[in-house]
Amino acid sequence: MAELRKLKSMSPMSAEATVVRNYLDWLLSVPWQNRTKIKRDIKGAEKVLNADHFGLEKVKERILEYLAVQQRNEEDEGSDLVPGRGHRG
C-alpha cells in the first residue's frame, strides 16, 4: 500500500504523518466483511437527503438516480453493498 510506504519515509512528528496515520487507522477499522442490503426507498432517501444536506442538488440527484436503477433491477439477484467498494456481490 502506497500510504504505508509514504508513512514509513516520513518524520513521525510531521503533520502529514498524522493525517496518513489517521487515514490508515480509519481504513483498518472499516468492517470489510459486513455486508448491508441496499435500501431502495427513493422517497425516503430524498427526504433524508433534503433534510440533512443543504444544496448539493446534483449530488443528491445522482444518488436518487442510482437508487432508481437499483430498484428497477430488483428482480435480478440481490445486490449487497460492501463498504468502500460499492460492487455487486
PDB file of N, CA and C in Angstrom:
ATOM      1  N   MET A   1       0.839  -1.178   0.000  1.00  0.00           N
ATOM      2  CA  MET A   1       0.000   0.000   0.000  1.00  0.00           C
ATOM      3  C   MET A   1       0.885   1.243   0.000  1.00  0.00           C
ATOM      4  N   ALA A   2       0.574   2.161  -0.875  1.00  0.00           N
ATOM      5  CA  ALA A   2       1.385   3.366  -1.058  1.00  0.00           C
ATOM      6  C   ALA A   2       1.400   4.236   0.194  1.00  0.00           C
ATOM      7  N   GLU A   3       0.250   4.337   0.875  1.00  0.00           N
ATOM      8  CA  GLU A   3       0.180   5.188   2.061  1.00  0.00           C
ATOM      9  C   GLU A   3       1.091   4.681   3.174  1.00  0.00           C
ATOM     10  N   LEU A   4       1.190   3.373   3.323  1.00  0.00           N
ATOM     11  CA  LEU A   4       2.055   2.809   4.354  1.00  0.00           C
ATOM     12  C   LEU A   4       3.522   3.077   4.030  1.00  0.00           C
ATOM     13  N   ARG A   5       3.886   2.935   2.762  1.00  0.00           N
ATOM     14  CA  ARG A   5       5.269   3.249   2.362  1.00  0.00           C
ATOM     15  C   ARG A   5       5.573   4.722   2.597  1.00  0.00           C
ATOM     16  N   LYS A   6       4.598   5.584   2.291  1.00  0.00           N
ATOM     17  CA  LYS A   6       4.776   7.013   2.493  1.00  0.00           C
ATOM     18  C   LYS A   6       4.978   7.310   3.978  1.00  0.00           C
ATOM     19  N   LEU A   7       4.181   6.662   4.822  1.00  0.00           N
ATOM     20  CA  LEU A   7       4.277   6.882   6.264  1.00  0.00           C
ATOM     21  C   LEU A   7       5.644   6.462   6.796  1.00  0.00           C
ATOM     22  N   LYS A   8       6.164   5.354   6.293  1.00  0.00           N
ATOM     23  CA  LYS A   8       7.474   4.878   6.748  1.00  0.00           C
ATOM     24  C   LYS A   8       8.583   5.878   6.449  1.00  0.00           C
ATOM     25  N   SER A   9       8.439   6.625   5.367  1.00  0.00           N
ATOM     26  CA  SER A   9       9.508   7.552   4.980  1.00  0.00           C
ATOM     27  C   SER A   9       9.362   8.934   5.619  1.00  0.00           C
ATOM     28  N   MET A  10       8.273   9.182   6.336  1.00  0.00           N
ATOM     29  CA  MET A  10       8.027  10.499   6.935  1.00  0.00           C
ATOM     30  C   MET A  10       8.573  10.572   8.353  1.00  0.00           C
ATOM     31  N   SER A  11       8.771  11.793   8.766  1.00  0.00           N
ATOM     32  CA  SER A  11       9.092  12.031  10.167  1.00  0.00           C
ATOM     33  C   SER A  11       7.831  11.754  10.978  1.00  0.00           C
ATOM     34  N   PRO A  12       7.914  10.988  12.059  1.00  0.00           N
ATOM     35  CA  PRO A  12       6.713  10.645  12.831  1.00  0.00           C
ATOM     36  C   PRO A  12       5.999  11.856  13.427  1.00  0.00           C
ATOM     37  N   MET A  13       6.688  12.967  13.569  1.00  0.00           N
ATOM     38  CA  MET A  13       6.096  14.150  14.183  1.00  0.00           C
ATOM     39  C   MET A  13       5.496  15.119  13.159  1.00  0.00           C
ATOM     40  N   SER A  14       5.602  14.809  11.870  1.00  0.00           N
ATOM     41  CA  SER A  14       5.094  15.736  10.858  1.00  0.00           C
ATOM     42  C   SER A  14       3.567  15.703  10.835  1.00  0.00           C
ATOM     43  N   ALA A  15       2.976  16.815  10.409  1.00  0.00           N
ATOM     44  CA  ALA A  15       1.524  16.915  10.329  1.00  0.00           C
ATOM     45  C   ALA A  15       0.981  15.932   9.299  1.00  0.00           C
ATOM     46  N   GLU A  16       1.677  15.781   8.184  1.00  0.00           N
ATOM     47  CA  GLU A  16       1.215  14.865   7.149  1.00  0.00           C
ATOM     48  C   GLU A  16       1.226  13.417   7.641  1.00  0.00           C
ATOM     49  N   ALA A  17       2.202  13.060   8.474  1.00  0.00           N
ATOM     50  CA  ALA A  17       2.250  11.703   9.028  1.00  0.00           C
ATOM     51  C   ALA A  17       1.014  11.442   9.885  1.00  0.00           C
ATOM     52  N   THR A  18       0.569  12.447  10.609  1.00  0.00           N
ATOM     53  CA  THR A  18      -0.631  12.303  11.429  1.00  0.00           C
ATOM     54  C   THR A  18      -1.850  12.052  10.544  1.00  0.00           C
ATOM     55  N   VAL A  19      -1.948  12.784   9.442  1.00  0.00           N
ATOM     56  CA  VAL A  19      -3.072  12.602   8.520  1.00  0.00           C
ATOM     57  C   VAL A  19      -3.052  11.194   7.939  1.00  0.00           C
ATOM     58  N   VAL A  20      -1.879  10.746   7.496  1.00  0.00           N
ATOM     59  CA  VAL A  20      -1.758   9.407   6.904  1.00  0.00           C
ATOM     60  C   VAL A  20      -2.075   8.338   7.941  1.00  0.00           C
ATOM     61  N   ARG A  21      -1.580   8.513   9.164  1.00  0.00           N
ATOM     62  CA  ARG A  21      -1.859   7.556  10.235  1.00  0.00           C
ATOM     63  C   ARG A  21      -3.358   7.469  10.524  1.00  0.00           C
ATOM     64  N   ASN A  22      -4.019   8.625  10.591  1.00  0.00           N
ATOM     65  CA  ASN A  22      -5.467   8.634  10.824  1.00  0.00           C
ATOM     66  C   ASN A  22      -6.216   7.947   9.686  1.00  0.00           C
ATOM     67  N   TYR A  23      -5.785   8.191   8.453  1.00  0.00           N
ATOM     68  CA  TYR A  23      -6.411   7.539   7.302  1.00  0.00           C
ATOM     69  C   TYR A  23      -6.246   6.029   7.387  1.00  0.00           C
ATOM     70  N   LEU A  24      -5.046   5.565   7.699  1.00  0.00           N
ATOM     71  CA  LEU A  24      -4.803   4.125   7.802  1.00  0.00           C
ATOM     72  C   LEU A  24      -5.596   3.509   8.955  1.00  0.00           C
ATOM     73  N   ASP A  25      -5.685   4.222  10.081  1.00  0.00           N
ATOM     74  CA  ASP A  25      -6.500   3.734  11.206  1.00  0.00           C
ATOM     75  C   ASP A  25      -7.956   3.583  10.782  1.00  0.00           C
ATOM     76  N   TRP A  26      -8.474   4.597  10.072  1.00  0.00           N
ATOM     77  CA  TRP A  26      -9.855   4.529   9.601  1.00  0.00           C
ATOM     78  C   TRP A  26     -10.037   3.367   8.631  1.00  0.00           C
ATOM     79  N   LEU A  27      -9.110   3.232   7.707  1.00  0.00           N
ATOM     80  CA  LEU A  27      -9.186   2.175   6.702  1.00  0.00           C
ATOM     81  C   LEU A  27      -9.221   0.792   7.348  1.00  0.00           C
ATOM     82  N   LEU A  28      -8.429   0.603   8.378  1.00  0.00           N
ATOM     83  CA  LEU A  28      -8.390  -0.689   9.070  1.00  0.00           C
ATOM     84  C   LEU A  28      -9.616  -0.919   9.949  1.00  0.00           C
ATOM     85  N   SER A  29     -10.298   0.150  10.340  1.00  0.00           N
ATOM     86  CA  SER A  29     -11.468  -0.008  11.216  1.00  0.00           C
ATOM     87  C   SER A  29     -12.763  -0.270  10.438  1.00  0.00           C
ATOM     88  N   VAL A  30     -12.743  -0.104   9.127  1.00  0.00           N
ATOM     89  CA  VAL A  30     -13.948  -0.349   8.321  1.00  0.00           C
ATOM     90  C   VAL A  30     -14.286  -1.839   8.376  1.00  0.00           C
ATOM     91  N   PRO A  31     -15.538  -2.175   8.650  1.00  0.00           N
ATOM     92  CA  PRO A  31     -15.925  -3.594   8.745  1.00  0.00           C
ATOM     93  C   PRO A  31     -16.075  -4.225   7.348  1.00  0.00           C
ATOM     94  N   TRP A  32     -14.962  -4.537   6.716  1.00  0.00           N
ATOM     95  CA  TRP A  32     -14.953  -5.011   5.330  1.00  0.00           C
ATOM     96  C   TRP A  32     -15.754  -6.288   5.135  1.00  0.00           C
ATOM     97  N   GLN A  33     -15.880  -7.126   6.146  1.00  0.00           N
ATOM     98  CA  GLN A  33     -16.593  -8.390   5.997  1.00  0.00           C
ATOM     99  C   GLN A  33     -18.100  -8.254   6.179  1.00  0.00           C
ATOM    100  N   ASN A  34     -18.566  -7.162   6.781  1.00  0.00           N
ATOM    101  CA  ASN A  34     -20.004  -6.968   6.995  1.00  0.00           C
ATOM    102  C   ASN A  34     -20.661  -6.498   5.712  1.00  0.00           C
ATOM    103  N   ARG A  35     -21.759  -7.118   5.356  1.00  0.00           N
ATOM    104  CA  ARG A  35     -22.488  -6.742   4.152  1.00  0.00           C
ATOM    105  C   ARG A  35     -23.838  -6.169   4.572  1.00  0.00           C
ATOM    106  N   THR A  36     -24.273  -5.141   3.856  1.00  0.00           N
ATOM    107  CA  THR A  36     -25.521  -4.474   4.165  1.00  0.00           C
ATOM    108  C   THR A  36     -26.395  -4.448   2.925  1.00  0.00           C
ATOM    109  N   LYS A  37     -27.654  -4.800   3.092  1.00  0.00           N
ATOM    110  CA  LYS A  37     -28.585  -4.713   1.972  1.00  0.00           C
ATOM    111  C   LYS A  37     -28.822  -3.245   1.624  1.00  0.00           C
ATOM    112  N   ILE A  38     -28.912  -2.960   0.355  1.00  0.00           N
ATOM    113  CA  ILE A  38     -29.178  -1.610  -0.105  1.00  0.00           C
ATOM    114  C   ILE A  38     -30.659  -1.312   0.090  1.00  0.00           C
ATOM    115  N   LYS A  39     -30.964  -0.193   0.723  1.00  0.00           N
ATOM    116  CA  LYS A  39     -32.349   0.237   0.866  1.00  0.00           C
ATOM    117  C   LYS A  39     -32.699   1.016  -0.397  1.00  0.00           C
ATOM    118  N   ARG A  40     -33.789   0.637  -1.031  1.00  0.00           N
ATOM    119  CA  ARG A  40     -34.154   1.258  -2.300  1.00  0.00           C
ATOM    120  C   ARG A  40     -35.380   2.156  -2.181  1.00  0.00           C
ATOM    121  N   ASP A  41     -35.621   2.698  -0.999  1.00  0.00           N
ATOM    122  CA  ASP A  41     -36.761   3.588  -0.769  1.00  0.00           C
ATOM    123  C   ASP A  41     -36.391   4.984  -1.269  1.00  0.00           C
ATOM    124  N   ILE A  42     -36.774   5.297  -2.489  1.00  0.00           N
ATOM    125  CA  ILE A  42     -36.362   6.548  -3.121  1.00  0.00           C
ATOM    126  C   ILE A  42     -36.971   7.755  -2.416  1.00  0.00           C
ATOM    127  N   LYS A  43     -38.253   7.691  -2.088  1.00  0.00           N
ATOM    128  CA  LYS A  43     -38.901   8.826  -1.410  1.00  0.00           C
ATOM    129  C   LYS A  43     -38.278   9.068  -0.037  1.00  0.00           C
ATOM    130  N   GLY A  44     -38.000   7.993   0.688  1.00  0.00           N
ATOM    131  CA  GLY A  44     -37.357   8.123   2.000  1.00  0.00           C
ATOM    132  C   GLY A  44     -35.953   8.691   1.884  1.00  0.00           C
ATOM    133  N   ALA A  45     -35.223   8.224   0.883  1.00  0.00           N
ATOM    134  CA  ALA A  45     -33.858   8.727   0.670  1.00  0.00           C
ATOM    135  C   ALA A  45     -33.877  10.206   0.323  1.00  0.00           C
ATOM    136  N   GLU A  46     -34.844  10.603  -0.505  1.00  0.00           N
ATOM    137  CA  GLU A  46     -34.945  12.014  -0.884  1.00  0.00           C
ATOM    138  C   GLU A  46     -35.239  12.887   0.336  1.00  0.00           C
ATOM    139  N   LYS A  47     -36.108  12.416   1.230  1.00  0.00           N
ATOM    140  CA  LYS A  47     -36.414  13.167   2.457  1.00  0.00           C
ATOM    141  C   LYS A  47     -35.166  13.335   3.312  1.00  0.00           C
ATOM    142  N   VAL A  48     -34.418  12.249   3.483  1.00  0.00           N
ATOM    143  CA  VAL A  48     -33.196  12.307   4.296  1.00  0.00           C
ATOM    144  C   VAL A  48     -32.176  13.241   3.659  1.00  0.00           C
ATOM    145  N   LEU A  49     -31.975  13.110   2.350  1.00  0.00           N
ATOM    146  CA  LEU A  49     -31.005  13.968   1.665  1.00  0.00           C
ATOM    147  C   LEU A  49     -31.377  15.438   1.793  1.00  0.00           C
ATOM    148  N   ASN A  50     -32.645  15.759   1.596  1.00  0.00           N
ATOM    149  CA  ASN A  50     -33.072  17.159   1.679  1.00  0.00           C
ATOM    150  C   ASN A  50     -33.001  17.698   3.099  1.00  0.00           C
ATOM    151  N   ALA A  51     -33.271  16.846   4.084  1.00  0.00           N
ATOM    152  CA  ALA A  51     -33.236  17.297   5.479  1.00  0.00           C
ATOM    153  C   ALA A  51     -31.807  17.458   5.998  1.00  0.00           C
ATOM    154  N   ASP A  52     -30.919  16.565   5.570  1.00  0.00           N
ATOM    155  CA  ASP A  52     -29.571  16.535   6.145  1.00  0.00           C
ATOM    156  C   ASP A  52     -28.496  17.221   5.314  1.00  0.00           C
ATOM    157  N   HIS A  53     -28.779  17.524   4.051  1.00  0.00           N
ATOM    158  CA  HIS A  53     -27.732  18.047   3.158  1.00  0.00           C
ATOM    159  C   HIS A  53     -28.255  19.228   2.352  1.00  0.00           C
ATOM    160  N   PHE A  54     -27.950  20.425   2.814  1.00  0.00           N
ATOM    161  CA  PHE A  54     -28.382  21.632   2.118  1.00  0.00           C
ATOM    162  C   PHE A  54     -27.562  21.793   0.843  1.00  0.00           C
ATOM    163  N   GLY A  55     -28.232  22.177  -0.241  1.00  0.00           N
ATOM    164  CA  GLY A  55     -27.526  22.353  -1.509  1.00  0.00           C
ATOM    165  C   GLY A  55     -27.187  21.007  -2.119  1.00  0.00           C
ATOM    166  N   LEU A  56     -26.071  20.915  -2.789  1.00  0.00           N
ATOM    167  CA  LEU A  56     -25.572  19.674  -3.398  1.00  0.00           C
ATOM    168  C   LEU A  56     -26.636  19.000  -4.273  1.00  0.00           C
ATOM    169  N   GLU A  57     -27.398  19.801  -5.003  1.00  0.00           N
ATOM    170  CA  GLU A  57     -28.526  19.260  -5.758  1.00  0.00           C
ATOM    171  C   GLU A  57     -28.110  18.192  -6.770  1.00  0.00           C
ATOM    172  N   LYS A  58     -27.006  18.412  -7.480  1.00  0.00           N
ATOM    173  CA  LYS A  58     -26.570  17.439  -8.489  1.00  0.00           C
ATOM    174  C   LYS A  58     -26.148  16.118  -7.835  1.00  0.00           C
ATOM    175  N   VAL A  59     -25.502  16.216  -6.697  1.00  0.00           N
ATOM    176  CA  VAL A  59     -25.076  15.008  -5.976  1.00  0.00           C
ATOM    177  C   VAL A  59     -26.297  14.231  -5.497  1.00  0.00           C
ATOM    178  N   LYS A  60     -27.253  14.942  -4.914  1.00  0.00           N
ATOM    179  CA  LYS A  60     -28.480  14.291  -4.430  1.00  0.00           C
ATOM    180  C   LYS A  60     -29.245  13.669  -5.587  1.00  0.00           C
ATOM    181  N   GLU A  61     -29.293  14.355  -6.711  1.00  0.00           N
ATOM    182  CA  GLU A  61     -29.980  13.817  -7.885  1.00  0.00           C
ATOM    183  C   GLU A  61     -29.314  12.533  -8.367  1.00  0.00           C
ATOM    184  N   ARG A  62     -27.996  12.524  -8.360  1.00  0.00           N
ATOM    185  CA  ARG A  62     -27.258  11.328  -8.802  1.00  0.00           C
ATOM    186  C   ARG A  62     -27.500  10.153  -7.867  1.00  0.00           C
ATOM    187  N   ILE A  63     -27.548  10.398  -6.575  1.00  0.00           N
ATOM    188  CA  ILE A  63     -27.826   9.329  -5.609  1.00  0.00           C
ATOM    189  C   ILE A  63     -29.213   8.749  -5.849  1.00  0.00           C
ATOM    190  N   LEU A  64     -30.180   9.614  -6.071  1.00  0.00           N
ATOM    191  CA  LEU A  64     -31.548   9.154  -6.318  1.00  0.00           C
ATOM    192  C   LEU A  64     -31.641   8.384  -7.637  1.00  0.00           C
ATOM    193  N   GLU A  65     -30.885   8.818  -8.654  1.00  0.00           N
ATOM    194  CA  GLU A  65     -30.848   8.080  -9.917  1.00  0.00           C
ATOM    195  C   GLU A  65     -30.284   6.674  -9.704  1.00  0.00           C
ATOM    196  N   TYR A  66     -29.225   6.592  -8.907  1.00  0.00           N
ATOM    197  CA  TYR A  66     -28.621   5.295  -8.612  1.00  0.00           C
ATOM    198  C   TYR A  66     -29.638   4.375  -7.945  1.00  0.00           C
ATOM    199  N   LEU A  67     -30.355   4.902  -6.955  1.00  0.00           N
ATOM    200  CA  LEU A  67     -31.354   4.098  -6.251  1.00  0.00           C
ATOM    201  C   LEU A  67     -32.476   3.663  -7.196  1.00  0.00           C
ATOM    202  N   ALA A  68     -32.860   4.545  -8.119  1.00  0.00           N
ATOM    203  CA  ALA A  68     -33.912   4.205  -9.073  1.00  0.00           C
ATOM    204  C   ALA A  68     -33.470   3.054  -9.976  1.00  0.00           C
ATOM    205  N   VAL A  69     -32.227   3.079 -10.425  1.00  0.00           N
ATOM    206  CA  VAL A  69     -31.707   1.988 -11.255  1.00  0.00           C
ATOM    207  C   VAL A  69     -31.666   0.700 -10.443  1.00  0.00           C
ATOM    208  N   GLN A  70     -31.235   0.775  -9.201  1.00  0.00           N
ATOM    209  CA  GLN A  70     -31.186  -0.406  -8.342  1.00  0.00           C
ATOM    210  C   GLN A  70     -32.589  -0.980  -8.137  1.00  0.00           C
ATOM    211  N   GLN A  71     -33.556  -0.097  -7.935  1.00  0.00           N
ATOM    212  CA  GLN A  71     -34.934  -0.543  -7.730  1.00  0.00           C
ATOM    213  C   GLN A  71     -35.466  -1.211  -8.995  1.00  0.00           C
ATOM    214  N   ARG A  72     -35.116  -0.667 -10.134  1.00  0.00           N
ATOM    215  CA  ARG A  72     -35.566  -1.222 -11.402  1.00  0.00           C
ATOM    216  C   ARG A  72     -34.969  -2.600 -11.659  1.00  0.00           C
ATOM    217  N   ASN A  73     -33.775  -2.816 -11.190  1.00  0.00           N
ATOM    218  CA  ASN A  73     -33.091  -4.094 -11.383  1.00  0.00           C
ATOM    219  C   ASN A  73     -33.326  -5.051 -10.224  1.00  0.00           C
ATOM    220  N   GLU A  74     -34.296  -4.735  -9.382  1.00  0.00           N
ATOM    221  CA  GLU A  74     -34.554  -5.511  -8.168  1.00  0.00           C
ATOM    222  C   GLU A  74     -34.813  -6.991  -8.454  1.00  0.00           C
ATOM    223  N   GLU A  75     -35.406  -7.296  -9.591  1.00  0.00           N
ATOM    224  CA  GLU A  75     -35.704  -8.691  -9.890  1.00  0.00           C
ATOM    225  C   GLU A  75     -34.443  -9.500 -10.178  1.00  0.00           C
ATOM    226  N   ASP A  76     -33.328  -8.820 -10.457  1.00  0.00           N
ATOM    227  CA  ASP A  76     -32.055  -9.529 -10.609  1.00  0.00           C
ATOM    228  C   ASP A  76     -31.659 -10.089  -9.251  1.00  0.00           C
ATOM    229  N   GLU A  77     -30.620 -10.890  -9.235  1.00  0.00           N
ATOM    230  CA  GLU A  77     -30.173 -11.421  -7.939  1.00  0.00           C
ATOM    231  C   GLU A  77     -29.852 -10.272  -7.012  1.00  0.00           C
ATOM    232  N   GLY A  78     -30.074 -10.453  -5.721  1.00  0.00           N
ATOM    233  CA  GLY A  78     -29.876  -9.391  -4.741  1.00  0.00           C
ATOM    234  C   GLY A  78     -28.475  -8.835  -4.792  1.00  0.00           C
ATOM    235  N   SER A  79     -28.346  -7.557  -4.544  1.00  0.00           N
ATOM    236  CA  SER A  79     -27.015  -6.952  -4.518  1.00  0.00           C
ATOM    237  C   SER A  79     -26.725  -6.463  -3.116  1.00  0.00           C
ATOM    238  N   ASP A  80     -25.512  -6.649  -2.692  1.00  0.00           N
ATOM    239  CA  ASP A  80     -25.056  -6.190  -1.392  1.00  0.00           C
ATOM    240  C   ASP A  80     -24.045  -5.095  -1.608  1.00  0.00           C
ATOM    241  N   LEU A  81     -23.992  -4.174  -0.692  1.00  0.00           N
ATOM    242  CA  LEU A  81     -23.009  -3.106  -0.761  1.00  0.00           C
ATOM    243  C   LEU A  81     -21.927  -3.393   0.278  1.00  0.00           C
ATOM    244  N   VAL A  82     -20.700  -3.545  -0.196  1.00  0.00           N
ATOM    245  CA  VAL A  82     -19.567  -3.735   0.695  1.00  0.00           C
ATOM    246  C   VAL A  82     -18.978  -2.361   0.932  1.00  0.00           C
ATOM    247  N   PRO A  83     -18.814  -1.930   2.205  1.00  0.00           N
ATOM    248  CA  PRO A  83     -18.335  -0.579   2.470  1.00  0.00           C
ATOM    249  C   PRO A  83     -17.077  -0.247   1.681  1.00  0.00           C
ATOM    250  N   GLY A  84     -17.136   0.874   0.996  1.00  0.00           N
ATOM    251  CA  GLY A  84     -15.968   1.374   0.290  1.00  0.00           C
ATOM    252  C   GLY A  84     -15.737   0.731  -1.073  1.00  0.00           C
ATOM    253  N   ARG A  85     -16.454  -0.328  -1.411  1.00  0.00           N
ATOM    254  CA  ARG A  85     -16.186  -0.982  -2.681  1.00  0.00           C
ATOM    255  C   ARG A  85     -17.346  -0.796  -3.641  1.00  0.00           C
ATOM    256  N   GLY A  86     -18.567  -0.769  -3.151  1.00  0.00           N
ATOM    257  CA  GLY A  86     -19.715  -0.476  -3.962  1.00  0.00           C
ATOM    258  C   GLY A  86     -19.924  -1.386  -5.148  1.00  0.00           C
ATOM    259  N   HIS A  87     -19.617  -2.658  -5.026  1.00  0.00           N
ATOM    260  CA  HIS A  87     -19.842  -3.578  -6.141  1.00  0.00           C
ATOM    261  C   HIS A  87     -20.903  -4.584  -5.788  1.00  0.00           C
ATOM    262  N   ARG A  88     -21.438  -5.199  -6.793  1.00  0.00           N
ATOM    263  CA  ARG A  88     -22.454  -6.228  -6.563  1.00  0.00           C
ATOM    264  C   ARG A  88     -21.761  -7.478  -6.066  1.00  0.00           C
ATOM    265  N   GLY A  89     -22.373  -8.133  -5.065  1.00  0.00           N
ATOM    266  CA  GLY A  89     -21.736  -9.327  -4.511  1.00  0.00           C
ATOM    267  C   GLY A  89     -22.574 -10.549  -4.619  1.00  0.00           C
TER     268      GLY A  89
END
